[in-house]
Protein backbone atom coordinates (compact mmCIF):
# COMPACT_ATOMS: atom_id res chain seq x y z
CA MET A 1 -13.53 -2.01 12.52
CA SER A 2 -11.83 -5.39 13.33
CA ALA A 3 -10.87 -6.00 17.01
CA THR A 4 -7.63 -6.87 15.96
CA PHE A 5 -7.02 -3.19 14.42
CA ALA A 6 -8.50 -2.12 17.82
CA LEU A 7 -6.21 -3.45 20.01
CA ALA A 8 -3.16 -2.32 17.55
CA LEU A 9 -4.78 1.43 17.66
CA GLY A 10 -4.32 1.25 21.36
CA ALA A 11 -0.89 -0.67 20.97
CA ALA A 12 -0.06 2.12 18.83
CA HIS A 13 -0.76 4.79 20.96
CA ALA A 14 1.29 3.14 23.87
CA ALA A 15 3.78 2.77 21.86
CA ALA A 16 4.49 5.80 19.87
CA ALA A 17 2.91 8.66 21.87
CA ALA A 18 5.76 9.19 23.70
CA GLN A 19 7.68 10.22 20.84
CA HIS A 20 7.92 14.19 19.95
CA TYR A 21 6.16 14.84 16.95
CA PRO A 22 6.48 18.42 15.60
CA GLN A 23 3.78 20.30 14.12
CA GLY A 24 4.23 22.13 10.25
CA ALA A 25 6.22 18.94 9.47
CA LEU A 26 5.99 16.53 6.46
CA TYR A 27 5.49 12.96 7.65
CA VAL A 28 6.38 10.83 5.17
CA VAL A 29 4.42 7.17 5.68
CA ALA A 30 5.26 3.75 4.40
CA THR A 31 1.68 1.88 4.05
CA PRO A 32 1.62 -2.30 3.41
CA ILE A 33 1.92 -3.48 0.02
CA GLY A 34 -0.64 -6.11 0.50
CA ASN A 35 -1.19 -7.42 3.46
CA LEU A 36 -2.41 -4.48 6.17
CA ALA A 37 -1.12 -6.40 8.91
CA ASP A 38 2.73 -5.01 7.62
CA VAL A 39 1.73 -1.70 8.93
CA THR A 40 3.79 -0.30 11.48
CA LEU A 41 3.02 1.26 14.85
CA ARG A 42 3.85 4.41 14.51
CA ALA A 43 2.32 4.60 11.07
CA LEU A 44 -0.77 4.03 13.15
CA HIS A 45 -0.16 6.72 15.70
CA VAL A 46 1.11 9.55 13.02
CA LEU A 47 -1.98 8.35 11.21
CA GLN A 48 -4.19 9.35 13.38
CA LEU A 49 -2.56 12.46 14.80
CA ALA A 50 -2.35 14.20 11.46
CA GLU A 51 -4.34 17.16 10.77
CA ARG A 52 -4.16 16.18 7.55
CA ILE A 53 -3.28 13.22 5.03
CA ALA A 54 -2.30 14.20 1.72
CA CYS A 55 -2.46 10.77 -1.02
CA GLU A 56 -2.00 9.54 -4.44
CA ASP A 57 -5.46 8.33 -4.44
CA THR A 58 -7.75 9.83 -1.77
CA ARG A 59 -10.63 6.85 -2.47
CA HIS A 60 -7.67 4.05 -1.58
CA THR A 61 -6.52 5.91 1.49
CA GLN A 62 -9.92 6.73 2.79
CA ALA A 63 -10.54 2.33 2.68
CA LEU A 64 -7.43 1.66 3.96
CA LEU A 65 -7.68 4.40 7.20
CA ARG A 66 -11.30 3.10 7.66
CA ALA A 67 -9.52 -0.65 7.76
CA TYR A 68 -7.68 0.22 10.43
CA GLY A 69 -10.30 2.20 12.26
CA ILE A 70 -9.02 5.78 11.89
CA ASP A 71 -11.40 8.73 10.77
CA LYS A 72 -10.79 11.28 8.61
CA ARG A 73 -13.14 13.82 7.05
CA PRO A 74 -12.98 13.85 3.52
CA SER A 75 -11.76 17.69 3.86
CA GLN A 76 -8.73 16.40 5.66
CA LEU A 77 -7.71 14.37 2.68
CA LEU A 78 -5.49 15.96 -0.05
CA ALA A 79 -4.92 14.59 -3.43
CA VAL A 80 -1.29 14.69 -4.38
CA HIS A 81 -0.36 12.28 -7.20
CA GLU A 82 1.87 11.84 -10.47
CA HIS A 83 0.00 14.45 -12.30
CA ASN A 84 -0.62 17.54 -10.06
CA GLU A 85 2.49 16.44 -7.35
CA ALA A 86 4.26 19.62 -8.18
CA GLU A 87 0.96 22.16 -7.58
CA ALA A 88 -0.33 20.13 -4.83
CA ALA A 89 2.70 20.67 -2.96
CA GLN A 90 2.08 24.24 -2.72
CA ALA A 91 -1.12 23.04 -1.08
CA VAL A 92 0.60 20.68 1.60
CA LEU A 93 3.24 23.96 2.10
CA ALA A 94 0.53 26.29 3.11
CA HIS A 95 -0.84 23.59 5.53
CA LEU A 96 2.55 23.30 6.87
CA ARG A 97 2.84 27.29 7.74
CA GLN A 98 -0.38 27.07 9.42
CA GLY A 99 1.55 24.40 11.93
CA GLU A 100 -0.16 21.40 11.27
CA ARG A 101 0.95 18.04 10.67
CA VAL A 102 0.32 16.57 7.20
CA ALA A 103 1.25 13.05 6.75
CA TYR A 104 2.04 11.71 2.89
CA VAL A 105 0.80 8.37 1.80
CA SER A 106 0.86 6.97 -1.52
CA ASP A 107 -1.48 3.76 -2.27
CA ALA A 108 1.22 1.20 -1.08
CA GLY A 109 5.01 0.83 0.04
CA THR A 110 7.53 4.08 0.67
CA PRO A 111 6.70 7.01 -1.02
CA GLY A 112 9.54 8.48 -3.73
CA VAL A 113 10.20 4.84 -4.73
CA SER A 114 8.49 4.72 -8.41
CA ASP A 115 5.70 6.60 -6.40
CA PRO A 116 4.80 10.24 -5.92
CA GLY A 117 6.32 11.61 -3.01
CA ALA A 118 9.83 12.80 -3.91
CA ARG A 119 8.62 15.95 -5.73
CA LEU A 120 6.43 16.91 -2.38
CA ALA A 121 9.36 16.10 -0.02
CA ALA A 122 12.05 18.21 -2.20
CA ALA A 123 9.70 21.08 -2.22
CA VAL A 124 9.06 20.98 1.89
CA ARG A 125 12.57 20.85 2.37
CA ALA A 126 13.59 23.74 -0.30
CA ALA A 127 11.05 25.60 2.01
CA GLY A 128 13.12 25.42 4.90
CA LEU A 129 10.33 22.54 6.74
CA ARG A 130 11.11 19.14 7.97
CA VAL A 131 10.24 16.32 6.45
CA LEU A 132 10.14 12.92 8.86
CA PRO A 133 10.20 9.54 7.08
CA LEU A 134 8.71 6.72 9.18
CA PRO A 135 10.18 3.37 7.53
CA GLY A 136 7.77 0.33 6.36
CA ALA A 137 7.13 -1.66 3.71
CA SER A 138 8.95 -1.26 0.28
CA SER A 139 8.18 -4.35 -2.24
CA VAL A 140 11.89 -3.60 -3.31
CA THR A 141 13.56 -4.28 -0.33
CA THR A 142 11.00 -7.25 0.58
CA ALA A 143 11.92 -8.85 -3.13
CA LEU A 144 15.74 -8.42 -2.27
CA SER A 145 15.06 -10.21 0.74
CA ALA A 146 14.01 -13.23 -0.41
CA ALA A 147 15.90 -14.01 -3.78
CA GLY A 148 19.60 -13.88 -2.07
CA ALA A 149 20.39 -11.98 -4.95
CA VAL A 150 22.69 -9.38 -2.83
CA ALA A 151 25.63 -10.91 -0.85
CA PRO A 152 27.60 -8.39 1.22
CA SER A 153 30.97 -10.04 0.71
CA ALA A 154 30.27 -10.81 -3.19
CA ALA A 155 32.25 -8.91 -5.77
CA GLN A 156 29.44 -7.64 -7.09
CA GLU A 157 28.17 -5.99 -3.96
CA GLY A 158 24.84 -3.74 -3.64
CA PHE A 159 22.35 -3.96 -6.19
CA VAL A 160 21.01 -1.01 -8.88
CA PHE A 161 17.49 0.32 -8.38
CA ALA A 162 15.94 0.42 -12.30
CA GLY A 163 12.64 0.71 -12.12
CA PHE A 164 10.05 0.89 -14.39
CA LEU A 165 12.26 0.50 -18.01
CA PRO A 166 10.19 2.39 -21.06
CA THR A 167 7.46 0.90 -22.20
CA LYS A 168 8.40 1.22 -26.09
CA THR A 169 9.99 -1.92 -27.46
CA SER A 170 12.91 -0.75 -29.20
CA GLU A 171 13.83 1.62 -25.59
CA ARG A 172 13.23 -0.93 -23.70
CA ALA A 173 15.57 -3.45 -25.74
CA ALA A 174 18.54 -0.53 -25.61
CA ALA A 175 17.91 -0.39 -21.85
CA VAL A 176 18.16 -4.08 -21.33
CA GLN A 177 21.52 -3.85 -23.53
CA GLN A 178 23.17 -1.43 -21.14
CA LEU A 179 21.65 -3.49 -18.24
CA ALA A 180 23.28 -6.85 -19.44
CA HIS A 181 26.90 -5.04 -18.50
CA GLU A 182 25.80 -4.55 -14.91
CA ALA A 183 27.72 -6.57 -12.94
CA ARG A 184 25.43 -5.82 -9.58
CA CYS A 185 22.06 -7.09 -8.83
CA VAL A 186 19.29 -4.78 -10.75
CA VAL A 187 15.56 -3.84 -9.33
CA LEU A 188 12.74 -3.52 -12.19
CA LEU A 189 9.23 -3.26 -11.54
CA GLU A 190 6.29 -4.21 -13.59
CA ALA A 191 2.70 -4.22 -14.38
CA PRO A 192 0.76 -7.46 -15.00
CA HIS A 193 -0.14 -6.05 -18.45
CA ARG A 194 3.56 -5.19 -19.87
CA ILE A 195 5.19 -8.44 -17.96
CA LEU A 196 5.13 -11.08 -20.87
CA GLU A 197 6.96 -7.77 -22.88
CA LEU A 198 9.42 -7.59 -20.21
CA ALA A 199 10.20 -11.63 -20.16
CA GLN A 200 10.84 -11.42 -24.21
CA ALA A 201 13.36 -8.34 -23.67
CA LEU A 202 14.92 -9.93 -20.78
CA ALA A 203 15.22 -13.72 -22.50
CA PRO A 204 18.55 -12.98 -24.77
CA LEU A 205 20.60 -12.04 -21.44
CA GLY A 206 20.98 -16.47 -21.38
CA GLU A 207 21.54 -17.78 -18.59
CA ARG A 208 21.24 -14.95 -16.05
CA PRO A 209 19.14 -16.12 -13.17
CA VAL A 210 16.03 -13.64 -12.41
CA THR A 211 13.56 -13.62 -9.57
CA LEU A 212 10.19 -12.97 -10.38
CA ALA A 213 8.15 -11.88 -7.37
CA ARG A 214 4.51 -11.24 -8.14
CA GLU A 215 2.47 -10.47 -5.50
CA LEU A 216 4.12 -9.88 -2.58
CA THR A 217 2.31 -10.27 0.73
CA LYS A 218 -0.99 -11.06 -0.54
CA GLN A 219 -2.85 -14.52 -1.10
CA PHE A 220 -1.63 -15.23 -4.25
CA GLU A 221 2.00 -14.64 -3.30
CA GLU A 222 4.84 -16.09 -5.44
CA ILE A 223 8.79 -15.97 -5.45
CA ALA A 224 10.31 -17.83 -8.47
CA THR A 225 13.82 -17.91 -9.57
CA VAL A 226 14.63 -19.02 -13.46
CA PRO A 227 17.19 -18.33 -16.31
CA ALA A 228 16.58 -15.49 -18.22
CA GLN A 229 16.03 -17.13 -21.61
CA GLY A 230 13.54 -19.54 -19.90
CA LEU A 231 10.98 -16.35 -18.72
CA PRO A 232 8.66 -16.53 -21.84
CA VAL A 233 8.17 -20.37 -20.63
CA TRP A 234 7.52 -20.14 -17.30
CA PHE A 235 4.99 -17.60 -18.12
CA ALA A 236 3.39 -19.50 -20.76
CA ALA A 237 3.36 -22.74 -18.30
CA ALA A 238 0.67 -21.03 -16.13
CA PRO A 239 -1.22 -18.01 -17.53
CA GLU A 240 -2.10 -16.63 -14.31
CA ARG A 241 1.36 -16.09 -13.58
CA ALA A 242 0.83 -13.21 -15.76
CA ARG A 243 -1.23 -11.05 -13.09
CA GLY A 244 -0.39 -9.07 -10.22
CA GLU A 245 2.24 -6.36 -9.82
CA PHE A 246 5.75 -7.54 -10.18
CA VAL A 247 9.40 -7.03 -8.93
CA VAL A 248 12.13 -8.48 -11.37
CA LEU A 249 15.64 -8.93 -10.07
CA LEU A 250 18.51 -9.33 -12.41
CA HIS A 251 20.50 -11.67 -10.39
CA PRO A 252 24.82 -10.52 -10.33
CA ALA A 253 26.56 -11.46 -13.88
CA ALA A 254 28.11 -14.58 -13.25
CA LEU A 255 31.74 -14.29 -11.31
CA ALA A 256 33.66 -15.83 -14.18
CA ALA A 257 32.61 -12.83 -16.20
CA HIS A 258 33.54 -10.50 -13.51
CA ASP A 259 37.02 -12.08 -12.85
CA ALA A 260 37.78 -11.90 -16.58
CA SER A 261 37.49 -8.36 -17.00
CA MET A 262 39.41 -7.64 -13.59
CA GLU A 263 42.20 -9.76 -15.37
CA ALA A 264 42.27 -7.81 -18.30
CA GLY A 265 41.88 -4.51 -16.29
CA GLN A 266 45.04 -5.45 -13.95
CA ARG A 267 46.94 -6.02 -17.02
CA ALA A 268 45.85 -3.16 -18.59
CA LEU A 269 46.91 -1.26 -15.24
CA ARG A 270 50.33 -2.66 -15.03
CA LEU A 271 51.36 -1.26 -18.58
CA LEU A 272 49.64 1.75 -17.95
CA LEU A 273 50.83 3.11 -14.56
CA PRO A 274 54.64 3.28 -14.89
CA GLU A 275 53.42 5.92 -18.00
CA LEU A 276 50.63 7.92 -16.02
CA PRO A 277 49.09 9.27 -13.20
CA LEU A 278 47.64 6.65 -10.93
CA LYS A 279 44.07 7.72 -11.53
CA THR A 280 44.89 8.16 -14.91
CA ALA A 281 45.70 4.88 -15.46
CA VAL A 282 43.39 3.50 -13.21
CA ARG A 283 40.54 5.13 -15.16
CA LEU A 284 41.96 4.44 -19.04
CA ALA A 285 42.17 0.49 -17.47
CA ALA A 286 38.74 0.60 -16.43
CA GLN A 287 37.36 2.08 -19.52
CA LEU A 288 39.70 -0.71 -21.51
CA SER A 289 38.25 -3.61 -19.75
CA GLY A 290 34.89 -3.15 -18.24
CA ALA A 291 36.76 -4.29 -14.67
CA PRO A 292 35.37 -1.83 -11.73
CA ARG A 293 37.24 1.36 -11.08
CA ASN A 294 37.20 1.28 -7.28
CA ALA A 295 38.67 -2.71 -7.57
CA LEU A 296 41.18 -1.50 -9.99
CA TYR A 297 41.94 1.89 -7.88
CA ALA A 298 42.74 -0.70 -5.02
CA GLN A 299 44.66 -2.87 -6.34
CA ALA A 300 47.37 0.01 -7.53
CA LEU A 301 47.46 1.00 -4.09
CA GLU A 302 48.38 -2.16 -2.79
CA TRP A 303 50.96 -2.90 -5.94
CA LYS A 304 52.39 0.92 -4.85
CA GLY A 305 52.70 0.07 -1.50
CA THR A 306 54.35 -3.46 -2.33
CA GLU A 307 56.97 -1.33 -4.42
CA ASP A 308 57.65 0.78 -1.48
C-alpha cells in the first residue's frame, strides 16, 4: 500500500467514522472512473466497514481494494453483474437480513447508471430494507462539467441521458433520427470498438456540436468539440483517438431552430385558444409545431392573465 492511501484511510476514518452506518443496509458506492485519487473519504470508510462487498467483477474490485490497502477475504466479495443481478440480489438480501452491511460497487463510476446496480437497489427497497447512496465519480457528470453544453438559463436547459445506442446499424440510425429533434443536450456512452460506427451515424446531424470525452481522468484524457459532420474526419486524423471509453455529448439544438418552433407554436396557440380548453389548445399547438409544451403553457397563462 502506498503511503498516500495509508494517509487517506486514516483521514477517511477521522472524517466519516462519526456518522451512523446502520446494519442490514445496502450502501451503493461510487468508485473512480480512472484516477484512483478520485475516491471519496466516505467511500473508503464504508468499504472498510462493510461485512460484504457486492461487485460487478470480483477480480477488479479486489484489485481496487488492495490499491487502497483494504483487505477483504474472497468470501466477503459477492459477484453481482448484468447477467445474474436478479438472482444475486437474493443472496445480498440474505446477508442484509442477517444484519450485515453490504456495499455495492460497479467496475467504475456510479452503480445503476448504465452499470449494474439498479435491480439490486430495487430489490432491497422492495424488501423494506434501506439503500444508502454514497455519491462520487460519474463519467456523465464529469463530461458535462467540462463541455459547457448545459446552460441553466438557456431555453434548452437540462440534458437527456440516452446511454448506449443500439448496435445494429438500422436501429442506431433510427435512434439518431429521434435524437435529432431533441432540443436539450443528449448524453451518450460508447465503447472503443463501436465509436467509429457511432461517429458515422451522428454525421448527418450536420453542424450540431458534439463533445467527445475520452479516457476521462486517465493519463490520455482527451476532450474535443467538433461539428457532427466532422466526426469521421476527426477520428481518421489520428487513429489513437478511437481508443478508450467515451462519453459523447450532443450539444443543444441550434437556438434558431428552437425560436422558429416557438414562433410556430405561438401562432397555432393564438388560433386554438378561442376554440378549445387551454390544456387541449397547448397540447395540439405543441404537437403541430414541435415547441415545448411547458413553454407554450406558460405563454398561454401569460396571455390569459393579460386579458384579465
